[in-house]
Structure formats: C-alpha cells, structure tokens
Amino acid sequence: RKALDMDYELGSRLEEQRQQEIKGVFEQRLAMEVQREIEGTMAVSIDATKVREKQGESVDDSGKKKYKIGFRDAKIGAISKVGWDPVRSEAYCTASSYVGGIEHADEFFPRVWVEMNRRAQNPEKLRIVFLGDGASWIWDRVPDLKNTQSVCILDFYHATERLSEICKEFYGEQTEQYWQQFSRWRGWFLEGKVETVIAELKQMRGKCKGKRRHFLQGHISYYEENKERMHYDQYIAMKLPIGSGTIESACKNVIGARMKQGGMTWSESGAAGMLQIRASLESERFLQDFRTTLRSAA
C-alpha cells in the first residue's frame, strides 16, 4: 500500500511538471532544454490503447463498495530519430521518447509539441515525418504540428491489414488465391499505385450486393480518405519509415506491460499518474524528472 501511495504521489508530481512545461511553451514562450537532440529528420508517431478504469462508485445494501468498470483511451506519442538500415534498405525509428495522456485529443497534442521541442533546438527547421493509422483524431490535428517540410504517412501495415481482410472475405484465409491477390495489391501499394487498387476494389464492389458491398465500401472509403498519405514509393526513395511499429510497440511496452496486466483496474488519477511514470522511464529521463519533482516539493 505504501509503494502504491508513493506511485500515486510521484505520478501526480510528474503530471504537474508536464503541465508546467506545456504552460511554459504555449503561454510564456519559454524554450525547452534540449535532450537527446534530433537533427535532420524527426519521426512523430501517435496512437492510443484502451486501459481498464473505475468510472463510478456505489455502495450496496450490505455496505460493500461496487465500482462501475469501463475503458478509456490512453493516448501515446513517440518522438524518434530516423535511421537507415543499408542491409535491408529501409528506414527505421530509433532513440524514441514518449508522452502520454488519458484525456481529450485537444489536450494531448500540446504534450506532443512540447516533446518535439525537447528533442530539437527548432523543430520548424527539421523534416518531420508523421506516422499513424487512419484515426481522424490524429490526422485532424497534425496540421497544428506540421511545418513546410513535413510528410504525413499512413502506416503501411494498417493499410495492408485491410487488404488481408478483403482477401480473407473473398478468397478464404491463407489460400493460394488469397496470397496471389494480397501480394499483388501489396506490391502496387509499394509502387505508389493506390488509385489502381481502389479502382479494382470498385469493380469488385459493382459485382457485390448486401453485406459484401457494404464491407468493400468501408475499405474503399478508408483508402480514398488516406490516399494522399500512401505514396510509399516516394517515402522509400526519401529514406523515410513507412511503418508505425514504434508506436505499436509503445502501446504494448510503455503502457500495456505495466497497466494492462491481468485483472488490473485503475482509478482516473492512478492511471494518469502511472502513464507519466512509464513515459518518463522509457524516455530515459526518469532520474532527471525525479530530481525535479524533489526540488519542486522541497
């Protein structure tokens, strides 16, 4: 119980520290102290994962407390350097730092901007790559962080996952025809031929009725909404990463490994505080953050 109380107190202090940083950057126009500086190209990946949370409390006739249990989105952002693997001829994200929040997207994105400023003297002068799935809460707000050199990329694996779903529906899972069609469409994506794939899917839709037609239309709409973020041939030529594996890993390791273990249910403040502790630890700045919280409490 004592250890838990200490976690709650530390998490609360770290969150207060993060809010002071946000206020300093946005209201007082203060510069962040640069840590683990990124030069050249910065990758910004954003996603969310569900965390089990207590969302109400009541007492039954016997006097026993009962809790209403629900799930909240824990949002997370990763700010990374971009490296190049000459053997595999592909770009990758490395030296990542993280921010997190269980809050509305409008409150979360200022955290991302503060972390971008922590990782670079002037993010406006860098090429910034934004990576994410097709969630509108992400892409609707990215323009607030972009500069003139920014590149927005739909995660290639989310894009091809939908191709897999289509092939399963029409050709059967793991059949020879499944692999032929999936490989063909996937290759077109890598060649930048998104419009060609969409045209072929529309032809298929014209031959379908009912649930299958509705199923196809959902995927067609997804690709049409995101096609400007699917020029994978150009991104590869620019030596940019096309997958958001970094943020998927963060959902699993930064959040899930500590906050989604069997039977875990968090209070609102407990979840918010633990998320700050996890982000600080995985960003390799926990000792500095801890010392700062001690000074502020003194």
Protein backbone atom coordinates (compact mmCIF):
# COMPACT_ATOMS: atom_id res chain seq x y z
CA ARG A 1 0.00 0.00 0.00
CA LYS A 2 2.86 2.35 0.83
CA ALA A 3 4.52 1.68 -2.54
CA LEU A 4 1.20 2.36 -4.27
CA ASP A 5 0.79 5.64 -2.42
CA MET A 6 4.31 6.64 -3.46
CA ASP A 7 3.48 5.80 -7.10
CA TYR A 8 0.37 7.96 -6.97
CA GLU A 9 2.29 10.85 -5.42
CA LEU A 10 5.15 10.61 -7.92
CA GLY A 11 2.78 10.28 -10.87
CA SER A 12 0.86 13.34 -9.70
CA ARG A 13 4.07 15.37 -9.41
CA LEU A 14 5.25 14.28 -12.87
CA GLU A 15 1.90 15.28 -14.36
CA GLU A 16 2.17 18.68 -12.65
CA GLN A 17 5.65 19.03 -14.13
CA ARG A 18 4.35 18.20 -17.63
CA GLN A 19 1.58 20.78 -17.27
CA GLN A 20 4.11 23.42 -16.21
CA GLU A 21 6.15 22.63 -19.33
CA ILE A 22 3.05 23.00 -21.53
CA LYS A 23 2.22 26.32 -19.90
CA GLY A 24 5.82 27.49 -20.28
CA VAL A 25 5.92 26.70 -24.01
CA PHE A 26 2.45 27.87 -25.01
CA GLU A 27 1.79 30.79 -22.66
CA GLN A 28 5.21 32.07 -21.64
CA ARG A 29 7.01 31.16 -24.90
CA LEU A 30 9.85 29.54 -22.97
CA ALA A 31 12.38 27.33 -24.74
CA MET A 32 12.69 23.71 -23.64
CA GLU A 33 16.04 22.32 -22.56
CA VAL A 34 17.04 20.06 -25.45
CA GLN A 35 17.68 16.41 -24.53
CA ARG A 36 18.90 13.63 -26.85
CA GLU A 37 18.85 16.06 -29.75
CA ILE A 38 17.40 15.02 -33.10
CA GLU A 39 18.93 16.51 -36.24
CA GLY A 40 17.86 16.15 -39.86
CA THR A 41 14.63 14.14 -39.71
CA MET A 42 12.26 13.68 -36.78
CA ALA A 43 9.56 10.99 -36.72
CA VAL A 44 6.38 11.59 -34.74
CA SER A 45 4.12 8.56 -34.20
CA ILE A 46 0.76 8.75 -32.40
CA ASP A 47 -1.75 6.12 -31.29
CA ALA A 48 -3.97 5.05 -28.39
CA THR A 49 -4.77 1.89 -26.45
CA LYS A 50 -7.54 1.00 -24.02
CA VAL A 51 -6.94 0.99 -20.25
CA ARG A 52 -9.42 -0.52 -17.78
CA GLU A 53 -10.65 2.14 -15.36
CA LYS A 54 -13.05 2.64 -12.46
CA GLN A 55 -15.74 5.04 -13.67
CA GLY A 56 -18.13 5.23 -10.75
CA GLU A 57 -18.60 4.01 -7.20
CA SER A 58 -21.68 2.89 -5.26
CA VAL A 59 -22.45 1.05 -2.02
CA ASP A 60 -24.80 -1.94 -1.96
CA ASP A 61 -27.27 -2.84 0.80
CA SER A 62 -24.59 -4.71 2.73
CA GLY A 63 -22.31 -1.68 2.74
CA LYS A 64 -19.89 -3.13 0.23
CA LYS A 65 -18.38 -0.80 -2.37
CA LYS A 66 -19.10 -1.57 -6.01
CA TYR A 67 -17.42 0.02 -8.99
CA LYS A 68 -18.62 0.67 -12.50
CA ILE A 69 -15.84 -0.51 -14.79
CA GLY A 70 -15.15 0.91 -18.24
CA PHE A 71 -12.30 1.60 -20.63
CA ARG A 72 -10.53 4.85 -21.51
CA ASP A 73 -8.17 5.65 -24.35
CA ALA A 74 -4.61 6.11 -23.17
CA LYS A 75 -3.04 8.25 -25.90
CA ILE A 76 0.67 7.98 -26.56
CA GLY A 77 3.14 9.75 -28.81
CA ALA A 78 6.68 8.72 -29.75
CA ILE A 79 9.29 11.23 -30.90
CA SER A 80 12.16 9.45 -32.67
CA LYS A 81 15.30 9.82 -34.70
CA VAL A 82 15.23 8.24 -38.16
CA GLY A 83 17.94 5.74 -39.02
CA TRP A 84 18.72 3.80 -42.19
CA ASP A 85 19.42 0.07 -42.43
CA PRO A 86 21.68 -0.41 -45.51
CA VAL A 87 21.32 -4.20 -45.40
CA ARG A 88 17.51 -4.20 -45.55
CA SER A 89 17.36 -0.88 -47.44
CA GLU A 90 14.74 0.56 -45.14
CA ALA A 91 14.38 3.42 -42.67
CA TYR A 92 13.52 2.88 -39.03
CA CYS A 93 12.77 4.86 -35.87
CA THR A 94 15.28 4.88 -33.03
CA ALA A 95 16.15 6.73 -29.80
CA SER A 96 12.48 7.35 -29.05
CA SER A 97 11.00 9.37 -26.21
CA TYR A 98 7.35 9.25 -25.20
CA VAL A 99 4.45 11.34 -23.97
CA GLY A 100 1.11 10.04 -22.78
CA GLY A 101 -2.23 11.23 -21.53
CA ILE A 102 -5.70 9.90 -20.71
CA GLU A 103 -7.50 12.95 -21.99
CA HIS A 104 -9.15 14.59 -24.98
CA ALA A 105 -7.01 14.82 -28.12
CA ASP A 106 -7.02 18.63 -27.91
CA GLU A 107 -5.28 18.36 -24.53
CA PHE A 108 -2.93 15.63 -25.66
CA PHE A 109 -1.41 17.27 -28.74
CA PRO A 110 0.26 20.12 -26.78
CA ARG A 111 2.22 17.40 -24.96
CA VAL A 112 3.49 16.14 -28.32
CA TRP A 113 4.60 19.63 -29.36
CA VAL A 114 6.45 20.15 -26.07
CA GLU A 115 8.29 16.85 -26.52
CA MET A 116 9.18 17.78 -30.11
CA ASN A 117 10.76 20.95 -28.72
CA ARG A 118 12.57 18.92 -26.05
CA ARG A 119 14.18 16.80 -28.79
CA ALA A 120 15.23 19.60 -31.17
CA GLN A 121 16.50 23.18 -30.97
CA ASN A 122 13.93 24.24 -33.54
CA PRO A 123 11.51 21.64 -34.94
CA GLU A 124 10.44 24.13 -37.59
CA LYS A 125 13.79 23.60 -39.34
CA LEU A 126 13.60 19.78 -39.38
CA ARG A 127 11.90 17.46 -41.78
CA ILE A 128 9.13 15.96 -39.65
CA VAL A 129 7.53 12.64 -40.54
CA PHE A 130 4.12 11.95 -39.01
CA LEU A 131 3.10 8.29 -38.80
CA GLY A 132 -0.26 6.91 -37.75
CA ASP A 133 -3.22 4.75 -38.60
CA GLY A 134 -6.33 6.20 -40.18
CA ALA A 135 -7.83 7.65 -36.98
CA SER A 136 -9.33 11.08 -37.65
CA TRP A 137 -8.49 12.35 -34.14
CA ILE A 138 -4.83 12.11 -35.15
CA TRP A 139 -4.85 13.48 -38.70
CA ASP A 140 -7.29 16.30 -37.93
CA ARG A 141 -4.74 17.77 -35.50
CA VAL A 142 -1.43 17.03 -37.20
CA PRO A 143 -1.63 20.31 -39.21
CA ASP A 144 -1.09 22.17 -35.93
CA LEU A 145 2.34 20.49 -35.62
CA LYS A 146 3.44 20.44 -39.27
CA ASN A 147 5.99 22.62 -40.98
CA THR A 148 6.65 23.16 -44.68
CA GLN A 149 8.92 20.10 -44.84
CA SER A 150 6.55 17.71 -43.09
CA VAL A 151 5.50 14.38 -44.58
CA CYS A 152 2.36 12.54 -43.42
CA ILE A 153 2.37 8.75 -43.80
CA LEU A 154 -0.38 6.23 -43.23
CA ASP A 155 1.14 3.21 -41.52
CA PHE A 156 1.83 0.67 -44.27
CA TYR A 157 0.88 -2.27 -42.08
CA HIS A 158 -2.54 -0.85 -41.23
CA ALA A 159 -3.07 -0.29 -44.95
CA THR A 160 -2.10 -3.83 -45.90
CA GLU A 161 -4.03 -5.33 -42.98
CA ARG A 162 -7.19 -4.16 -44.70
CA LEU A 163 -6.06 -5.84 -47.92
CA SER A 164 -5.71 -9.04 -45.92
CA GLU A 165 -9.26 -8.69 -44.59
CA ILE A 166 -10.60 -8.27 -48.12
CA CYS A 167 -8.69 -11.31 -49.37
CA LYS A 168 -9.95 -13.43 -46.48
CA GLU A 169 -13.53 -12.45 -47.24
CA PHE A 170 -13.35 -13.16 -50.98
CA TYR A 171 -10.75 -15.92 -51.34
CA GLY A 172 -10.53 -17.64 -47.97
CA GLU A 173 -7.83 -17.36 -45.33
CA GLN A 174 -4.33 -18.43 -46.40
CA THR A 175 -5.48 -19.96 -49.69
CA GLU A 176 -3.33 -19.80 -52.80
CA GLN A 177 -5.65 -17.21 -54.35
CA TYR A 178 -5.53 -15.21 -51.10
CA TRP A 179 -1.73 -14.95 -51.32
CA GLN A 180 -1.70 -14.18 -55.02
CA GLN A 181 -4.13 -11.29 -54.69
CA PHE A 182 -2.71 -9.97 -51.43
CA SER A 183 0.86 -9.97 -52.82
CA ARG A 184 -0.33 -8.26 -56.00
CA TRP A 185 -2.16 -5.44 -54.21
CA ARG A 186 0.59 -5.04 -51.61
CA GLY A 187 3.13 -4.68 -54.41
CA TRP A 188 1.01 -1.98 -56.03
CA PHE A 189 0.93 -0.06 -52.75
CA LEU A 190 4.74 -0.17 -52.58
CA GLU A 191 4.86 1.11 -56.16
CA GLY A 192 2.56 4.02 -55.28
CA LYS A 193 -0.38 2.62 -57.26
CA VAL A 194 -3.05 3.23 -54.62
CA GLU A 195 -5.51 4.57 -57.19
CA THR A 196 -5.14 1.34 -59.19
CA VAL A 197 -6.04 -0.75 -56.13
CA ILE A 198 -9.03 1.49 -55.38
CA ALA A 199 -10.25 1.18 -58.99
CA GLU A 200 -10.06 -2.61 -58.80
CA LEU A 201 -11.91 -2.67 -55.48
CA LYS A 202 -14.66 -0.53 -57.00
CA GLN A 203 -15.01 -3.04 -59.84
CA MET A 204 -15.40 -5.80 -57.25
CA ARG A 205 -17.97 -3.69 -55.38
CA GLY A 206 -20.04 -3.36 -58.56
CA LYS A 207 -20.44 -7.15 -58.63
CA CYS A 208 -21.47 -7.42 -54.97
CA LYS A 209 -24.70 -6.91 -53.06
CA GLY A 210 -25.72 -6.64 -49.44
CA LYS A 211 -23.12 -7.15 -46.69
CA ARG A 212 -20.21 -7.72 -49.05
CA ARG A 213 -20.89 -4.49 -50.91
CA HIS A 214 -21.08 -2.60 -47.61
CA PHE A 215 -17.88 -4.37 -46.43
CA LEU A 216 -15.97 -3.32 -49.55
CA GLN A 217 -17.27 0.23 -49.44
CA GLY A 218 -15.87 0.65 -45.92
CA HIS A 219 -12.37 -0.26 -47.12
CA ILE A 220 -12.66 1.82 -50.30
CA SER A 221 -13.65 4.87 -48.23
CA TYR A 222 -10.67 4.29 -45.92
CA TYR A 223 -8.22 4.24 -48.82
CA GLU A 224 -9.79 7.24 -50.53
CA GLU A 225 -9.60 9.28 -47.32
CA ASN A 226 -5.94 8.36 -46.78
CA LYS A 227 -4.55 8.09 -50.31
CA GLU A 228 -2.56 11.34 -50.02
CA ARG A 229 -0.67 9.67 -47.17
CA MET A 230 0.05 6.49 -49.16
CA HIS A 231 2.80 7.48 -51.63
CA TYR A 232 5.00 4.68 -50.34
CA ASP A 233 7.29 4.62 -53.36
CA GLN A 234 8.20 8.26 -52.69
CA TYR A 235 8.69 7.73 -48.96
CA ILE A 236 11.02 4.79 -49.54
CA ALA A 237 13.02 6.83 -52.07
CA MET A 238 13.28 9.59 -49.45
CA LYS A 239 14.57 7.02 -46.91
CA LEU A 240 11.63 7.57 -44.59
CA PRO A 241 9.98 4.95 -42.38
CA ILE A 242 6.58 3.74 -43.64
CA GLY A 243 5.53 1.68 -40.61
CA SER A 244 4.37 2.75 -37.16
CA GLY A 245 5.86 -0.24 -35.37
CA THR A 246 7.48 2.12 -32.86
CA ILE A 247 4.17 3.38 -31.54
CA GLU A 248 2.56 -0.07 -31.67
CA SER A 249 5.46 -1.27 -29.52
CA ALA A 250 4.94 1.69 -27.18
CA CYS A 251 1.27 0.76 -26.70
CA LYS A 252 2.40 -2.72 -25.71
CA ASN A 253 5.55 -2.00 -23.70
CA VAL A 254 5.20 1.54 -22.33
CA ILE A 255 1.53 1.19 -21.39
CA GLY A 256 0.40 -2.42 -21.64
CA ALA A 257 3.32 -4.10 -19.84
CA ARG A 258 2.55 -2.16 -16.64
CA MET A 259 -1.07 -1.02 -16.91
CA LYS A 260 -2.88 -3.86 -18.66
CA GLN A 261 -1.85 -6.88 -16.64
CA GLY A 262 -4.47 -9.46 -15.69
CA GLY A 263 -7.28 -8.02 -13.57
CA MET A 264 -5.82 -4.51 -13.33
CA THR A 265 -8.34 -1.70 -12.89
CA TRP A 266 -7.18 1.87 -12.36
CA SER A 267 -8.59 4.98 -10.78
CA GLU A 268 -8.57 8.01 -13.07
CA SER A 269 -5.75 9.71 -11.16
CA GLY A 270 -3.82 6.46 -10.72
CA ALA A 271 -3.88 5.69 -14.43
CA ALA A 272 -2.89 9.24 -15.40
CA GLY A 273 -0.01 9.25 -12.92
CA MET A 274 1.32 5.81 -13.83
CA LEU A 275 1.28 6.77 -17.51
CA GLN A 276 3.60 9.70 -16.70
CA ILE A 277 5.94 7.41 -14.76
CA ARG A 278 6.08 4.92 -17.62
CA ALA A 279 6.68 7.62 -20.24
CA SER A 280 9.47 9.11 -18.13
CA LEU A 281 11.16 5.74 -17.59
CA GLU A 282 11.01 4.68 -21.22
CA SER A 283 12.21 8.12 -22.38
CA GLU A 284 15.42 7.65 -20.35
CA ARG A 285 14.86 10.78 -18.29
CA PHE A 286 13.39 9.38 -15.08
CA LEU A 287 16.32 10.35 -12.84
CA GLN A 288 16.21 13.95 -14.03
CA ASP A 289 12.41 14.07 -13.74
CA PHE A 290 12.56 12.55 -10.25
CA ARG A 291 15.10 15.11 -9.07
CA THR A 292 12.96 17.90 -10.47
CA THR A 293 9.92 16.64 -8.55
CA LEU A 294 12.00 16.56 -5.37
CA ARG A 295 13.10 20.18 -5.88
CA SER A 296 9.54 21.31 -6.54
CA ALA A 297 8.33 19.55 -3.38
CA ALA A 298 11.10 20.99 -1.19
